[in-house]
Protein backbone atom coordinates (compact mmCIF):
# COMPACT_ATOMS: atom_id res chain seq x y z
CA UNK A 1 0.15 -0.18 -0.14
CA UNK A 2 3.03 2.14 1.03
CA UNK A 3 4.48 1.42 -2.70
CA UNK A 4 1.48 3.00 -4.48
CA UNK A 5 0.79 5.89 -2.66
CA UNK A 6 4.15 6.45 -2.75
CA UNK A 7 3.91 6.13 -7.23
CA UNK A 8 0.57 8.25 -6.86
CA UNK A 9 3.11 11.06 -5.61
CA UNK A 10 5.40 10.39 -7.75
CA UNK A 11 2.94 10.46 -10.47
CA UNK A 12 1.08 13.57 -9.41
CA UNK A 13 4.90 15.57 -8.88
CA UNK A 14 5.71 14.38 -12.50
CA UNK A 15 2.27 15.88 -13.97
CA UNK A 16 2.94 18.89 -12.24
CA UNK A 17 6.45 19.84 -13.56
CA UNK A 18 5.46 18.73 -17.03
CA UNK A 19 2.42 20.91 -16.87
CA UNK A 20 4.44 23.36 -15.77
CA UNK A 21 7.51 23.18 -18.11
CA UNK A 22 4.89 23.02 -21.11
CA UNK A 23 3.84 26.47 -20.42
CA UNK A 24 6.88 27.32 -20.01
CA UNK A 25 8.30 26.58 -23.32
CA UNK A 26 4.54 27.56 -25.03
CA UNK A 27 4.73 30.23 -27.68
CA UNK A 28 3.34 33.61 -27.03
CA UNK A 29 1.02 35.52 -29.14
CA UNK A 30 1.37 39.52 -29.74
CA UNK A 31 -1.38 40.59 -29.24
CA UNK A 32 -1.77 45.09 -29.91
CA UNK A 33 -4.53 46.84 -29.24
CA UNK A 34 -5.11 49.72 -31.48
CA UNK A 35 -4.94 52.85 -30.16
CA UNK A 36 -6.94 54.79 -32.80
CA UNK A 37 -8.45 53.77 -35.98
CA UNK A 38 -5.54 52.41 -38.26
CA UNK A 39 -4.14 49.99 -40.62
CA UNK A 40 -1.43 47.01 -38.96
CA UNK A 41 1.58 46.00 -41.71
CA UNK A 42 3.09 43.06 -40.79
CA UNK A 43 5.35 40.51 -43.08
CA UNK A 44 3.94 36.90 -43.64
CA UNK A 45 6.10 34.78 -45.84
CA UNK A 46 8.33 37.58 -46.73
CA UNK A 47 4.86 39.72 -48.35
CA UNK A 48 3.59 42.51 -46.52
CA UNK A 49 0.48 42.12 -45.57
CA UNK A 50 -2.40 44.70 -44.08
CA UNK A 51 -5.46 44.92 -41.15
CA UNK A 52 -7.64 47.87 -41.04
CA UNK A 53 -8.14 47.75 -37.21
CA UNK A 54 -10.95 50.52 -35.25
CA UNK A 55 -9.81 52.26 -32.33
CA UNK A 56 -9.57 49.77 -28.89
CA UNK A 57 -9.77 46.70 -30.59
CA UNK A 58 -7.90 44.15 -30.23
CA UNK A 59 -5.39 42.19 -33.15
CA UNK A 60 -3.53 38.86 -32.09
CA UNK A 61 -0.54 37.65 -34.08
CA UNK A 62 1.05 33.81 -33.75
CA UNK A 63 4.80 34.29 -33.11
CA UNK A 64 6.95 31.52 -33.68
CA UNK A 65 9.51 33.73 -34.61
CA UNK A 66 10.36 37.82 -34.54
CA UNK A 67 7.57 39.37 -35.14
CA UNK A 68 7.79 42.98 -36.77
CA UNK A 69 4.89 45.13 -37.79
CA UNK A 70 3.71 48.73 -37.27
CA UNK A 71 0.85 51.07 -36.92
CA UNK A 72 -0.52 53.83 -39.32
CA UNK A 73 -3.52 56.19 -38.23
CA UNK A 74 -5.96 56.51 -40.48
CA UNK A 75 -6.00 60.15 -39.83
CA UNK A 76 -2.37 60.71 -40.31
CA UNK A 77 -1.08 63.39 -42.89
CA UNK A 78 2.04 62.37 -45.18
CA UNK A 79 1.76 65.36 -46.81
CA UNK A 80 2.24 68.10 -44.15
CA UNK A 81 6.01 69.11 -45.13
CA UNK A 82 8.68 68.14 -47.87
CA UNK A 83 10.93 66.39 -45.06
CA UNK A 84 8.05 65.82 -42.60
CA UNK A 85 7.73 61.77 -41.94
CA UNK A 86 4.92 60.63 -39.49
CA UNK A 87 6.62 59.38 -36.17
CA UNK A 88 4.49 55.50 -36.95
CA UNK A 89 4.39 53.09 -34.02
CA UNK A 90 5.27 49.87 -34.17
CA UNK A 91 7.27 46.68 -32.45
CA UNK A 92 9.62 43.57 -33.14
CA UNK A 93 8.40 41.48 -31.23
CA UNK A 94 9.63 38.96 -28.94
CA UNK A 95 12.19 42.52 -28.06
CA UNK A 96 9.08 44.45 -26.84
CA UNK A 97 4.92 43.97 -26.91
CA UNK A 98 4.09 47.43 -26.66
CA UNK A 99 3.59 49.83 -29.61
CA UNK A 100 5.74 53.04 -29.77
CA UNK A 101 7.73 54.92 -31.91
CA UNK A 102 11.28 53.35 -31.72
CA UNK A 103 9.92 50.11 -32.56
CA UNK A 104 7.64 51.99 -35.18
CA UNK A 105 11.35 53.06 -36.69
CA UNK A 106 12.75 49.30 -36.03
CA UNK A 107 9.92 47.56 -37.46
CA UNK A 108 10.69 49.77 -40.48
CA UNK A 109 13.70 48.41 -41.03
CA UNK A 110 12.79 45.02 -40.51
CA UNK A 111 10.35 45.15 -43.00
CA UNK A 112 12.09 46.52 -45.69
CA UNK A 113 15.63 44.70 -45.12
CA UNK A 114 13.35 41.92 -46.40
CA UNK A 115 11.21 43.50 -49.08
CA UNK A 116 14.01 45.35 -50.51
CA UNK A 117 16.21 42.33 -50.62
CA UNK A 118 16.61 39.95 -54.22
CA UNK A 119 16.86 37.19 -52.34
CA UNK A 120 14.55 37.87 -49.36
CA UNK A 121 13.88 33.73 -47.72
CA UNK A 122 17.94 34.74 -47.17
CA UNK A 123 17.24 38.39 -45.69
CA UNK A 124 14.17 36.86 -43.79
CA UNK A 125 16.67 33.72 -41.78
CA UNK A 126 19.18 36.55 -41.54
CA UNK A 127 16.08 38.69 -39.46
CA UNK A 128 15.56 35.86 -37.14
CA UNK A 129 19.34 36.01 -35.81
CA UNK A 130 20.41 39.78 -35.83
CA UNK A 131 20.36 41.18 -32.47
CA UNK A 132 17.02 43.32 -33.02
CA UNK A 133 17.54 43.90 -28.76
CA UNK A 134 20.63 45.99 -29.69
CA UNK A 135 19.18 48.10 -32.57
CA UNK A 136 16.27 49.27 -30.33
CA UNK A 137 18.47 49.48 -27.60
CA UNK A 138 20.20 52.23 -29.65
CA UNK A 139 17.76 53.37 -31.49
CA UNK A 140 16.19 54.34 -27.95
CA UNK A 141 19.47 56.42 -27.04
CA UNK A 142 17.55 59.19 -29.86
CA UNK A 143 14.60 61.50 -29.00
CA UNK A 144 12.99 61.48 -31.71
CA UNK A 145 14.18 57.63 -33.89
CA UNK A 146 13.16 59.13 -38.09
CA UNK A 147 15.78 61.69 -37.56
CA UNK A 148 18.44 58.53 -38.19
CA UNK A 149 19.63 57.84 -41.56
CA UNK A 150 17.38 54.43 -41.94
CA UNK A 151 18.95 53.90 -45.38
CA UNK A 152 22.29 53.25 -43.85
CA UNK A 153 20.93 50.95 -40.50
CA UNK A 154 19.75 48.52 -43.51
CA UNK A 155 22.13 48.97 -46.00
CA UNK A 156 24.53 47.96 -42.94
CA UNK A 157 22.12 45.22 -41.52
CA UNK A 158 21.92 43.93 -45.45
CA UNK A 159 25.69 43.69 -45.83
CA UNK A 160 26.53 42.26 -42.32
CA UNK A 161 28.45 45.38 -41.36
CA UNK A 162 26.18 46.81 -39.02
CA UNK A 163 27.64 48.37 -35.95
CA UNK A 164 26.74 50.83 -32.95
CA UNK A 165 27.86 53.51 -35.57
CA UNK A 166 25.52 52.75 -38.44
CA UNK A 167 23.06 54.37 -36.52
CA UNK A 168 23.35 58.16 -37.07
CA UNK A 169 21.48 60.94 -37.78
CA UNK A 170 20.34 61.97 -41.13
CA UNK A 171 23.59 64.02 -42.94
CA UNK A 172 20.53 67.16 -43.72
CA UNK A 173 20.17 66.81 -40.04
CA UNK A 174 23.55 66.76 -38.38
CA UNK A 175 24.42 69.71 -40.76
CA UNK A 176 21.29 71.81 -39.17
């Protein structure tokens, strides 16, 4: 009888460990709540996709790998000035799960890196290995990331020459 009780207790412990481990290794989903009416842009199989969302609606993205997305409000004015770039919010998940302008800048880099590449699959595979956390942390050192030279950053990542020195303000902004 004592052996049966010990076996039962051991079995319960084993089940408890398996349940806790399975939830630990379970993939997390990214759930975005739309701050206002707008469109979310994201990549799926190296193709740019969009989802229109209404204010306070939630969208969930199953995230087996790194996911980049950015949000453009419906009422944004792209024609308000010659050199005006809208401050688009976004994220690169799992490195951050909230939408902000630094994540939006990084997400645009991620998406452009793949879409502008002649070899999209290779660019996508490299993007899964790239240290996006390092880039996001470097971008956060600047009050407005949209003053940075996005093209230089993309070129340096694509050529595998990215470093902290790749993150610089645009030359037109530096000279002012």
